[in-house]
């Protein structure tokens, strides 16, 4: 019985750590989506400090802007490490471009 527990316990711990990492990645993705939506709205109103807003909300994240036909779109990118493996995360949001 002891040998089975000694073999199974590290596997259980690894699975739990992986699940926690996935939960943290999902939380980070939700924060990226919020930052992208805020950035798109700010850009739509003509604000220029979007990169600073995203950096304040999510340190290490970057934002790119695209302006297709009457819209302004913000694409925010970040990264989360799960068990030492980098997982790139991306979120996008668009708003009406009324600030131009």
PDB file of N, CA and C in Angstrom:
ATOM      1  N   UNK A   1       0.816  -1.193   0.000  1.00  0.00           N
ATOM      2  CA  UNK A   1       0.000   0.000   0.000  1.00  0.00           C
ATOM      3  C   UNK A   1       0.863   1.262   0.000  1.00  0.00           C
ATOM      4  N   UNK A   2       1.928   1.269   0.779  1.00  0.00           N
ATOM      5  CA  UNK A   2       2.782   2.445   0.887  1.00  0.00           C
ATOM      6  C   UNK A   2       3.457   2.763  -0.439  1.00  0.00           C
ATOM      7  N   UNK A   3       3.862   1.758  -1.171  1.00  0.00           N
ATOM      8  CA  UNK A   3       4.520   1.990  -2.459  1.00  0.00           C
ATOM      9  C   UNK A   3       3.563   2.636  -3.453  1.00  0.00           C
ATOM     10  N   UNK A   4       2.303   2.214  -3.437  1.00  0.00           N
ATOM     11  CA  UNK A   4       1.325   2.810  -4.349  1.00  0.00           C
ATOM     12  C   UNK A   4       1.098   4.283  -4.039  1.00  0.00           C
ATOM     13  N   UNK A   5       1.013   4.599  -2.762  1.00  0.00           N
ATOM     14  CA  UNK A   5       0.830   5.999  -2.344  1.00  0.00           C
ATOM     15  C   UNK A   5       2.052   6.814  -2.727  1.00  0.00           C
ATOM     16  N   UNK A   6       3.237   6.268  -2.541  1.00  0.00           N
ATOM     17  CA  UNK A   6       4.464   6.983  -2.890  1.00  0.00           C
ATOM     18  C   UNK A   6       4.554   7.261  -4.383  1.00  0.00           C
ATOM     19  N   UNK A   7       4.002   6.387  -5.206  1.00  0.00           N
ATOM     20  CA  UNK A   7       4.013   6.595  -6.653  1.00  0.00           C
ATOM     21  C   UNK A   7       2.886   7.527  -7.075  1.00  0.00           C
ATOM     22  N   UNK A   8       1.717   7.384  -6.472  1.00  0.00           N
ATOM     23  CA  UNK A   8       0.544   8.147  -6.892  1.00  0.00           C
ATOM     24  C   UNK A   8       0.552   9.585  -6.375  1.00  0.00           C
ATOM     25  N   UNK A   9       1.126   9.833  -5.220  1.00  0.00           N
ATOM     26  CA  UNK A   9       1.079  11.164  -4.626  1.00  0.00           C
ATOM     27  C   UNK A   9       1.723  12.242  -5.507  1.00  0.00           C
ATOM     28  N   UNK A  10       2.895  12.027  -6.072  1.00  0.00           N
ATOM     29  CA  UNK A  10       3.450  13.068  -6.957  1.00  0.00           C
ATOM     30  C   UNK A  10       2.575  13.330  -8.185  1.00  0.00           C
ATOM     31  N   UNK A  11       1.936  12.295  -8.701  1.00  0.00           N
ATOM     32  CA  UNK A  11       1.056  12.471  -9.855  1.00  0.00           C
ATOM     33  C   UNK A  11      -0.154  13.315  -9.463  1.00  0.00           C
ATOM     34  N   UNK A  12      -0.721  13.048  -8.308  1.00  0.00           N
ATOM     35  CA  UNK A  12      -1.870  13.831  -7.828  1.00  0.00           C
ATOM     36  C   UNK A  12      -1.470  15.280  -7.615  1.00  0.00           C
ATOM     37  N   UNK A  13      -0.324  15.513  -7.024  1.00  0.00           N
ATOM     38  CA  UNK A  13       0.157  16.884  -6.810  1.00  0.00           C
ATOM     39  C   UNK A  13       0.377  17.581  -8.146  1.00  0.00           C
ATOM     40  N   UNK A  14       0.955  16.895  -9.113  1.00  0.00           N
ATOM     41  CA  UNK A  14       1.186  17.473 -10.438  1.00  0.00           C
ATOM     42  C   UNK A  14      -0.128  17.840 -11.120  1.00  0.00           C
ATOM     43  N   UNK A  15      -1.122  16.980 -11.010  1.00  0.00           N
ATOM     44  CA  UNK A  15      -2.436  17.268 -11.595  1.00  0.00           C
ATOM     45  C   UNK A  15      -3.075  18.471 -10.915  1.00  0.00           C
ATOM     46  N   UNK A  16      -2.997  18.548  -9.591  1.00  0.00           N
ATOM     47  CA  UNK A  16      -3.565  19.691  -8.871  1.00  0.00           C
ATOM     48  C   UNK A  16      -2.866  20.994  -9.234  1.00  0.00           C
ATOM     49  N   UNK A  17      -1.554  20.960  -9.364  1.00  0.00           N
ATOM     50  CA  UNK A  17      -0.805  22.154  -9.763  1.00  0.00           C
ATOM     51  C   UNK A  17      -1.191  22.569 -11.184  1.00  0.00           C
ATOM     52  N   UNK A  18      -1.361  21.592 -12.071  1.00  0.00           N
ATOM     53  CA  UNK A  18      -1.797  21.894 -13.438  1.00  0.00           C
ATOM     54  C   UNK A  18      -3.188  22.514 -13.466  1.00  0.00           C
ATOM     55  N   UNK A  19      -4.090  21.998 -12.635  1.00  0.00           N
ATOM     56  CA  UNK A  19      -5.448  22.565 -12.562  1.00  0.00           C
ATOM     57  C   UNK A  19      -5.413  23.993 -12.026  1.00  0.00           C
ATOM     58  N   UNK A  20      -4.611  24.230 -11.017  1.00  0.00           N
ATOM     59  CA  UNK A  20      -4.482  25.580 -10.476  1.00  0.00           C
ATOM     60  C   UNK A  20      -3.890  26.525 -11.522  1.00  0.00           C
ATOM     61  N   UNK A  21      -2.909  26.047 -12.263  1.00  0.00           N
ATOM     62  CA  UNK A  21      -2.329  26.864 -13.334  1.00  0.00           C
ATOM     63  C   UNK A  21      -3.347  27.181 -14.407  1.00  0.00           C
ATOM     64  N   UNK A  22      -4.190  26.225 -14.755  1.00  0.00           N
ATOM     65  CA  UNK A  22      -5.248  26.471 -15.729  1.00  0.00           C
ATOM     66  C   UNK A  22      -6.252  27.489 -15.233  1.00  0.00           C
ATOM     67  N   UNK A  23      -6.594  27.422 -13.956  1.00  0.00           N
ATOM     68  CA  UNK A  23      -7.506  28.405 -13.368  1.00  0.00           C
ATOM     69  C   UNK A  23      -6.892  29.803 -13.384  1.00  0.00           C
ATOM     70  N   UNK A  24      -5.620  29.891 -13.070  1.00  0.00           N
ATOM     71  CA  UNK A  24      -4.932  31.187 -13.116  1.00  0.00           C
ATOM     72  C   UNK A  24      -4.856  31.719 -14.545  1.00  0.00           C
ATOM     73  N   UNK A  25      -4.644  30.834 -15.520  1.00  0.00           N
ATOM     74  CA  UNK A  25      -4.609  31.255 -16.920  1.00  0.00           C
ATOM     75  C   UNK A  25      -5.980  31.763 -17.370  1.00  0.00           C
ATOM     76  N   UNK A  26      -7.044  31.101 -16.937  1.00  0.00           N
ATOM     77  CA  UNK A  26      -8.392  31.549 -17.277  1.00  0.00           C
ATOM     78  C   UNK A  26      -8.687  32.915 -16.660  1.00  0.00           C
ATOM     79  N   UNK A  27      -8.225  33.135 -15.442  1.00  0.00           N
ATOM     80  CA  UNK A  27      -8.394  34.437 -14.797  1.00  0.00           C
ATOM     81  C   UNK A  27      -7.618  35.507 -15.551  1.00  0.00           C
ATOM     82  N   UNK A  28      -6.407  35.180 -15.961  1.00  0.00           N
ATOM     83  CA  UNK A  28      -5.580  36.115 -16.726  1.00  0.00           C
ATOM     84  C   UNK A  28      -6.238  36.443 -18.069  1.00  0.00           C
ATOM     85  N   UNK A  29      -6.844  35.450 -18.697  1.00  0.00           N
ATOM     86  CA  UNK A  29      -7.535  35.672 -19.971  1.00  0.00           C
ATOM     87  C   UNK A  29      -8.726  36.608 -19.785  1.00  0.00           C
ATOM     88  N   UNK A  30      -9.457  36.458 -18.703  1.00  0.00           N
ATOM     89  CA  UNK A  30     -10.577  37.365 -18.422  1.00  0.00           C
ATOM     90  C   UNK A  30     -10.067  38.789 -18.199  1.00  0.00           C
ATOM     91  N   UNK A  31      -8.946  38.927 -17.510  1.00  0.00           N
ATOM     92  CA  UNK A  31      -8.363  40.261 -17.301  1.00  0.00           C
ATOM     93  C   UNK A  31      -7.882  40.857 -18.626  1.00  0.00           C
ATOM     94  N   UNK A  32      -7.320  40.014 -19.502  1.00  0.00           N
ATOM     95  CA  UNK A  32      -6.910  40.489 -20.826  1.00  0.00           C
ATOM     96  C   UNK A  32      -8.111  40.967 -21.626  1.00  0.00           C
ATOM     97  N   UNK A  33      -9.220  40.241 -21.551  1.00  0.00           N
ATOM     98  CA  UNK A  33     -10.424  40.634 -22.286  1.00  0.00           C
ATOM     99  C   UNK A  33     -10.962  41.961 -21.763  1.00  0.00           C
ATOM    100  N   UNK A  34     -10.967  42.150 -20.453  1.00  0.00           N
ATOM    101  CA  UNK A  34     -11.397  43.428 -19.880  1.00  0.00           C
ATOM    102  C   UNK A  34     -10.488  44.564 -20.334  1.00  0.00           C
ATOM    103  N   UNK A  35      -9.190  44.319 -20.336  1.00  0.00           N
ATOM    104  CA  UNK A  35      -8.241  45.352 -20.759  1.00  0.00           C
ATOM    105  C   UNK A  35      -8.425  45.682 -22.236  1.00  0.00           C
ATOM    106  N   UNK A  36      -8.687  44.676 -23.071  1.00  0.00           N
ATOM    107  CA  UNK A  36      -8.911  44.911 -24.500  1.00  0.00           C
ATOM    108  C   UNK A  36     -10.184  45.727 -24.717  1.00  0.00           C
ATOM    109  N   UNK A  37     -11.241  45.407 -23.976  1.00  0.00           N
ATOM    110  CA  UNK A  37     -12.499  46.161 -24.109  1.00  0.00           C
ATOM    111  C   UNK A  37     -12.309  47.607 -23.658  1.00  0.00           C
ATOM    112  N   UNK A  38     -11.618  47.805 -22.537  1.00  0.00           N
ATOM    113  CA  UNK A  38     -11.343  49.174 -22.073  1.00  0.00           C
ATOM    114  C   UNK A  38     -10.503  49.935 -23.089  1.00  0.00           C
ATOM    115  N   UNK A  39      -9.488  49.289 -23.625  1.00  0.00           N
ATOM    116  CA  UNK A  39      -8.610  49.934 -24.600  1.00  0.00           C
ATOM    117  C   UNK A  39      -9.383  50.327 -25.852  1.00  0.00           C
ATOM    118  N   UNK A  40     -10.249  49.454 -26.347  1.00  0.00           N
ATOM    119  CA  UNK A  40     -11.033  49.764 -27.547  1.00  0.00           C
ATOM    120  C   UNK A  40     -11.958  50.953 -27.287  1.00  0.00           C
ATOM    121  N   UNK A  41     -12.598  50.969 -26.124  1.00  0.00           N
ATOM    122  CA  UNK A  41     -13.475  52.103 -25.805  1.00  0.00           C
ATOM    123  C   UNK A  41     -12.686  53.401 -25.677  1.00  0.00           C
ATOM    124  N   UNK A  42     -11.532  53.338 -25.023  1.00  0.00           N
ATOM    125  CA  UNK A  42     -10.695  54.545 -24.892  1.00  0.00           C
ATOM    126  C   UNK A  42     -10.250  55.047 -26.263  1.00  0.00           C
ATOM    127  N   UNK A  43      -9.827  54.137 -27.118  1.00  0.00           N
ATOM    128  CA  UNK A  43      -9.413  54.528 -28.467  1.00  0.00           C
ATOM    129  C   UNK A  43     -10.585  55.096 -29.257  1.00  0.00           C
ATOM    130  N   UNK A  44     -11.764  54.521 -29.082  1.00  0.00           N
ATOM    131  CA  UNK A  44     -12.948  55.021 -29.772  1.00  0.00           C
ATOM    132  C   UNK A  44     -13.308  56.433 -29.352  1.00  0.00           C
ATOM    133  N   UNK A  45     -12.955  56.805 -28.124  1.00  0.00           N
ATOM    134  CA  UNK A  45     -13.208  58.167 -27.631  1.00  0.00           C
ATOM    135  C   UNK A  45     -12.071  59.126 -27.951  1.00  0.00           C
ATOM    136  N   UNK A  46     -11.023  58.614 -28.584  1.00  0.00           N
ATOM    137  CA  UNK A  46      -9.917  59.475 -28.978  1.00  0.00           C
ATOM    138  C   UNK A  46      -8.790  59.576 -27.977  1.00  0.00           C
ATOM    139  N   UNK A  47      -8.782  58.739 -26.961  1.00  0.00           N
ATOM    140  CA  UNK A  47      -7.696  58.753 -25.974  1.00  0.00           C
ATOM    141  C   UNK A  47      -6.422  58.198 -26.598  1.00  0.00           C
ATOM    142  N   UNK A  48      -5.290  58.651 -26.106  1.00  0.00           N
ATOM    143  CA  UNK A  48      -4.027  58.175 -26.662  1.00  0.00           C
ATOM    144  C   UNK A  48      -3.189  57.386 -25.650  1.00  0.00           C
ATOM    145  N   UNK A  49      -3.629  57.301 -24.417  1.00  0.00           N
ATOM    146  CA  UNK A  49      -2.835  56.650 -23.362  1.00  0.00           C
ATOM    147  C   UNK A  49      -3.249  55.198 -23.148  1.00  0.00           C
ATOM    148  N   UNK A  50      -3.593  54.516 -24.226  1.00  0.00           N
ATOM    149  CA  UNK A  50      -4.106  53.148 -24.118  1.00  0.00           C
ATOM    150  C   UNK A  50      -3.016  52.174 -23.670  1.00  0.00           C
ATOM    151  N   UNK A  51      -1.821  52.292 -24.208  1.00  0.00           N
ATOM    152  CA  UNK A  51      -0.737  51.376 -23.841  1.00  0.00           C
ATOM    153  C   UNK A  51      -0.424  51.477 -22.345  1.00  0.00           C
ATOM    154  N   UNK A  52      -0.438  52.677 -21.794  1.00  0.00           N
ATOM    155  CA  UNK A  52      -0.182  52.856 -20.362  1.00  0.00           C
ATOM    156  C   UNK A  52      -1.313  52.247 -19.537  1.00  0.00           C
ATOM    157  N   UNK A  53      -2.548  52.380 -20.007  1.00  0.00           N
ATOM    158  CA  UNK A  53      -3.692  51.795 -19.305  1.00  0.00           C
ATOM    159  C   UNK A  53      -3.564  50.270 -19.251  1.00  0.00           C
ATOM    160  N   UNK A  54      -3.222  49.666 -20.378  1.00  0.00           N
ATOM    161  CA  UNK A  54      -3.084  48.207 -20.435  1.00  0.00           C
ATOM    162  C   UNK A  54      -1.917  47.761 -19.564  1.00  0.00           C
ATOM    163  N   UNK A  55      -0.814  48.473 -19.604  1.00  0.00           N
ATOM    164  CA  UNK A  55       0.358  48.113 -18.808  1.00  0.00           C
ATOM    165  C   UNK A  55       0.061  48.226 -17.307  1.00  0.00           C
ATOM    166  N   UNK A  56      -0.726  49.230 -16.920  1.00  0.00           N
ATOM    167  CA  UNK A  56      -1.120  49.369 -15.517  1.00  0.00           C
ATOM    168  C   UNK A  56      -2.037  48.220 -15.094  1.00  0.00           C
ATOM    169  N   UNK A  57      -2.968  47.858 -15.964  1.00  0.00           N
ATOM    170  CA  UNK A  57      -3.921  46.793 -15.636  1.00  0.00           C
ATOM    171  C   UNK A  57      -3.253  45.423 -15.620  1.00  0.00           C
ATOM    172  N   UNK A  58      -2.357  45.203 -16.579  1.00  0.00           N
ATOM    173  CA  UNK A  58      -1.697  43.894 -16.718  1.00  0.00           C
ATOM    174  C   UNK A  58      -0.221  44.101 -17.017  1.00  0.00           C
ATOM    175  N   UNK A  59       0.624  44.163 -16.005  1.00  0.00           N
ATOM    176  CA  UNK A  59       2.052  44.351 -16.255  1.00  0.00           C
ATOM    177  C   UNK A  59       2.601  43.271 -17.189  1.00  0.00           C
ATOM    178  N   UNK A  60       3.336  43.713 -18.193  1.00  0.00           N
ATOM    179  CA  UNK A  60       3.926  42.792 -19.152  1.00  0.00           C
ATOM    180  C   UNK A  60       3.083  42.569 -20.397  1.00  0.00           C
ATOM    181  N   UNK A  61       1.841  43.035 -20.398  1.00  0.00           N
ATOM    182  CA  UNK A  61       0.971  42.856 -21.563  1.00  0.00           C
ATOM    183  C   UNK A  61       1.248  43.950 -22.588  1.00  0.00           C
ATOM    184  N   UNK A  62       0.962  43.645 -23.843  1.00  0.00           N
ATOM    185  CA  UNK A  62       1.147  44.635 -24.908  1.00  0.00           C
ATOM    186  C   UNK A  62      -0.161  44.768 -25.681  1.00  0.00           C
ATOM    187  N   UNK A  63      -0.304  45.895 -26.352  1.00  0.00           N
ATOM    188  CA  UNK A  63      -1.530  46.161 -27.107  1.00  0.00           C
ATOM    189  C   UNK A  63      -1.166  46.613 -28.516  1.00  0.00           C
ATOM    190  N   UNK A  64      -1.909  46.132 -29.491  1.00  0.00           N
ATOM    191  CA  UNK A  64      -1.801  46.604 -30.869  1.00  0.00           C
ATOM    192  C   UNK A  64      -3.180  47.093 -31.285  1.00  0.00           C
ATOM    193  N   UNK A  65      -3.193  48.057 -32.202  1.00  0.00           N
ATOM    194  CA  UNK A  65      -4.435  48.708 -32.607  1.00  0.00           C
ATOM    195  C   UNK A  65      -4.647  48.513 -34.098  1.00  0.00           C
ATOM    196  N   UNK A  66      -5.898  48.298 -34.440  1.00  0.00           N
ATOM    197  CA  UNK A  66      -6.294  48.136 -35.838  1.00  0.00           C
ATOM    198  C   UNK A  66      -7.559  48.978 -36.039  1.00  0.00           C
ATOM    199  N   UNK A  67      -7.673  49.630 -37.187  1.00  0.00           N
ATOM    200  CA  UNK A  67      -8.835  50.494 -37.454  1.00  0.00           C
ATOM    201  C   UNK A  67      -9.533  50.085 -38.749  1.00  0.00           C
ATOM    202  N   UNK A  68     -10.346  49.040 -38.714  1.00  0.00           N
ATOM    203  CA  UNK A  68     -11.103  48.672 -39.917  1.00  0.00           C
ATOM    204  C   UNK A  68     -12.413  49.448 -39.996  1.00  0.00           C
ATOM    205  N   UNK A  69     -12.743  49.999 -41.124  1.00  0.00           N
ATOM    206  CA  UNK A  69     -14.032  50.603 -41.504  1.00  0.00           C
ATOM    207  C   UNK A  69     -14.924  51.078 -40.359  1.00  0.00           C
ATOM    208  N   UNK A  70     -14.603  52.202 -39.766  1.00  0.00           N
ATOM    209  CA  UNK A  70     -15.457  52.791 -38.743  1.00  0.00           C
ATOM    210  C   UNK A  70     -15.335  52.172 -37.364  1.00  0.00           C
ATOM    211  N   UNK A  71     -14.425  51.238 -37.190  1.00  0.00           N
ATOM    212  CA  UNK A  71     -14.200  50.601 -35.892  1.00  0.00           C
ATOM    213  C   UNK A  71     -12.763  50.821 -35.459  1.00  0.00           C
ATOM    214  N   UNK A  72     -12.533  50.648 -34.200  1.00  0.00           N
ATOM    215  CA  UNK A  72     -11.170  50.601 -33.678  1.00  0.00           C
ATOM    216  C   UNK A  72     -11.081  49.332 -32.830  1.00  0.00           C
ATOM    217  N   UNK A  73     -10.075  48.520 -33.115  1.00  0.00           N
ATOM    218  CA  UNK A  73      -9.923  47.233 -32.432  1.00  0.00           C
ATOM    219  C   UNK A  73      -8.614  47.212 -31.655  1.00  0.00           C
ATOM    220  N   UNK A  74      -8.690  46.750 -30.424  1.00  0.00           N
ATOM    221  CA  UNK A  74      -7.508  46.596 -29.574  1.00  0.00           C
ATOM    222  C   UNK A  74      -7.246  45.111 -29.388  1.00  0.00           C
ATOM    223  N   UNK A  75      -6.012  44.705 -29.641  1.00  0.00           N
ATOM    224  CA  UNK A  75      -5.586  43.316 -29.468  1.00  0.00           C
ATOM    225  C   UNK A  75      -4.543  43.312 -28.348  1.00  0.00           C
ATOM    226  N   UNK A  76      -4.865  42.669 -27.242  1.00  0.00           N
ATOM    227  CA  UNK A  76      -3.980  42.642 -26.074  1.00  0.00           C
ATOM    228  C   UNK A  76      -3.380  41.252 -25.959  1.00  0.00           C
ATOM    229  N   UNK A  77      -2.073  41.214 -25.710  1.00  0.00           N
ATOM    230  CA  UNK A  77      -1.349  39.947 -25.609  1.00  0.00           C
ATOM    231  C   UNK A  77      -0.593  39.894 -24.289  1.00  0.00           C
ATOM    232  N   UNK A  78      -0.623  38.734 -23.686  1.00  0.00           N
ATOM    233  CA  UNK A  78       0.097  38.515 -22.439  1.00  0.00           C
ATOM    234  C   UNK A  78       0.592  37.080 -22.397  1.00  0.00           C
ATOM    235  N   UNK A  79       1.130  36.705 -21.261  1.00  0.00           N
ATOM    236  CA  UNK A  79       1.671  35.352 -21.125  1.00  0.00           C
ATOM    237  C   UNK A  79       1.476  34.861 -19.701  1.00  0.00           C
ATOM    238  N   UNK A  80       1.177  33.592 -19.546  1.00  0.00           N
ATOM    239  CA  UNK A  80       1.060  32.949 -18.243  1.00  0.00           C
ATOM    240  C   UNK A  80       1.889  31.673 -18.295  1.00  0.00           C
ATOM    241  N   UNK A  81       2.616  31.400 -17.249  1.00  0.00           N
ATOM    242  CA  UNK A  81       3.411  30.172 -17.191  1.00  0.00           C
ATOM    243  C   UNK A  81       2.655  29.131 -16.370  1.00  0.00           C
ATOM    244  N   UNK A  82       2.536  27.936 -16.939  1.00  0.00           N
ATOM    245  CA  UNK A  82       1.926  26.818 -16.231  1.00  0.00           C
ATOM    246  C   UNK A  82       2.967  25.708 -16.167  1.00  0.00           C
ATOM    247  N   UNK A  83       3.356  25.362 -14.957  1.00  0.00           N
ATOM    248  CA  UNK A  83       4.401  24.368 -14.732  1.00  0.00           C
ATOM    249  C   UNK A  83       5.672  24.708 -15.502  1.00  0.00           C
ATOM    250  N   UNK A  84       5.994  25.997 -15.563  1.00  0.00           N
ATOM    251  CA  UNK A  84       7.197  26.451 -16.239  1.00  0.00           C
ATOM    252  C   UNK A  84       7.079  26.583 -17.746  1.00  0.00           C
ATOM    253  N   UNK A  85       5.926  26.231 -18.294  1.00  0.00           N
ATOM    254  CA  UNK A  85       5.722  26.304 -19.741  1.00  0.00           C
ATOM    255  C   UNK A  85       4.981  27.592 -20.061  1.00  0.00           C
ATOM    256  N   UNK A  86       5.536  28.455 -20.921  1.00  0.00           N
ATOM    257  CA  UNK A  86       4.851  29.710 -21.248  1.00  0.00           C
ATOM    258  C   UNK A  86       3.609  29.443 -22.106  1.00  0.00           C
ATOM    259  N   UNK A  87       2.508  30.052 -21.719  1.00  0.00           N
ATOM    260  CA  UNK A  87       1.254  29.927 -22.446  1.00  0.00           C
ATOM    261  C   UNK A  87       0.854  31.319 -22.931  1.00  0.00           C
ATOM    262  N   UNK A  88       0.964  31.591 -24.251  1.00  0.00           N
ATOM    263  CA  UNK A  88       0.582  32.914 -24.747  1.00  0.00           C
ATOM    264  C   UNK A  88      -0.936  33.081 -24.699  1.00  0.00           C
ATOM    265  N   UNK A  89      -1.376  34.240 -24.233  1.00  0.00           N
ATOM    266  CA  UNK A  89      -2.797  34.554 -24.140  1.00  0.00           C
ATOM    267  C   UNK A  89      -3.079  35.814 -24.946  1.00  0.00           C
ATOM    268  N   UNK A  90      -4.213  35.810 -25.655  1.00  0.00           N
ATOM    269  CA  UNK A  90      -4.583  36.961 -26.480  1.00  0.00           C
ATOM    270  C   UNK A  90      -6.062  37.238 -26.322  1.00  0.00           C
ATOM    271  N   UNK A  91      -6.415  38.521 -26.371  1.00  0.00           N
ATOM    272  CA  UNK A  91      -7.819  38.930 -26.334  1.00  0.00           C
ATOM    273  C   UNK A  91      -7.973  40.135 -27.253  1.00  0.00           C
ATOM    274  N   UNK A  92      -9.139  40.259 -27.861  1.00  0.00           N
ATOM    275  CA  UNK A  92      -9.411  41.375 -28.763  1.00  0.00           C
ATOM    276  C   UNK A  92     -10.789  41.943 -28.472  1.00  0.00           C
ATOM    277  N   UNK A  93     -10.926  43.225 -28.761  1.00  0.00           N
ATOM    278  CA  UNK A  93     -12.220  43.879 -28.628  1.00  0.00           C
ATOM    279  C   UNK A  93     -12.255  45.061 -29.590  1.00  0.00           C
ATOM    280  N   UNK A  94     -13.447  45.358 -30.093  1.00  0.00           N
ATOM    281  CA  UNK A  94     -13.626  46.479 -31.016  1.00  0.00           C
ATOM    282  C   UNK A  94     -14.698  47.418 -30.504  1.00  0.00           C
ATOM    283  N   UNK A  95     -14.588  48.688 -30.883  1.00  0.00           N
ATOM    284  CA  UNK A  95     -15.575  49.702 -30.534  1.00  0.00           C
ATOM    285  C   UNK A  95     -15.732  50.627 -31.738  1.00  0.00           C
ATOM    286  N   UNK A  96     -16.848  51.379 -31.739  1.00  0.00           N
ATOM    287  CA  UNK A  96     -17.033  52.376 -32.795  1.00  0.00           C
ATOM    288  C   UNK A  96     -15.965  53.437 -32.706  1.00  0.00           C
ATOM    289  N   UNK A  97     -15.447  53.851 -33.833  1.00  0.00           N
ATOM    290  CA  UNK A  97     -14.367  54.837 -33.877  1.00  0.00           C
ATOM    291  C   UNK A  97     -14.962  56.229 -34.039  1.00  0.00           C
ATOM    292  N   UNK A  98     -15.463  56.777 -32.947  1.00  0.00           N
ATOM    293  CA  UNK A  98     -16.087  58.096 -33.004  1.00  0.00           C
ATOM    294  C   UNK A  98     -15.146  59.214 -32.621  1.00  0.00           C
ATOM    295  N   UNK A  99     -13.922  58.886 -32.210  1.00  0.00           N
ATOM    296  CA  UNK A  99     -13.004  59.909 -31.734  1.00  0.00           C
ATOM    297  C   UNK A  99     -12.192  60.577 -32.810  1.00  0.00           C
ATOM    298  N   UNK A 100     -12.322  60.143 -34.058  1.00  0.00           N
ATOM    299  CA  UNK A 100     -11.509  60.741 -35.120  1.00  0.00           C
ATOM    300  C   UNK A 100     -12.249  61.868 -35.777  1.00  0.00           C
TER     301      UNK A 100
END
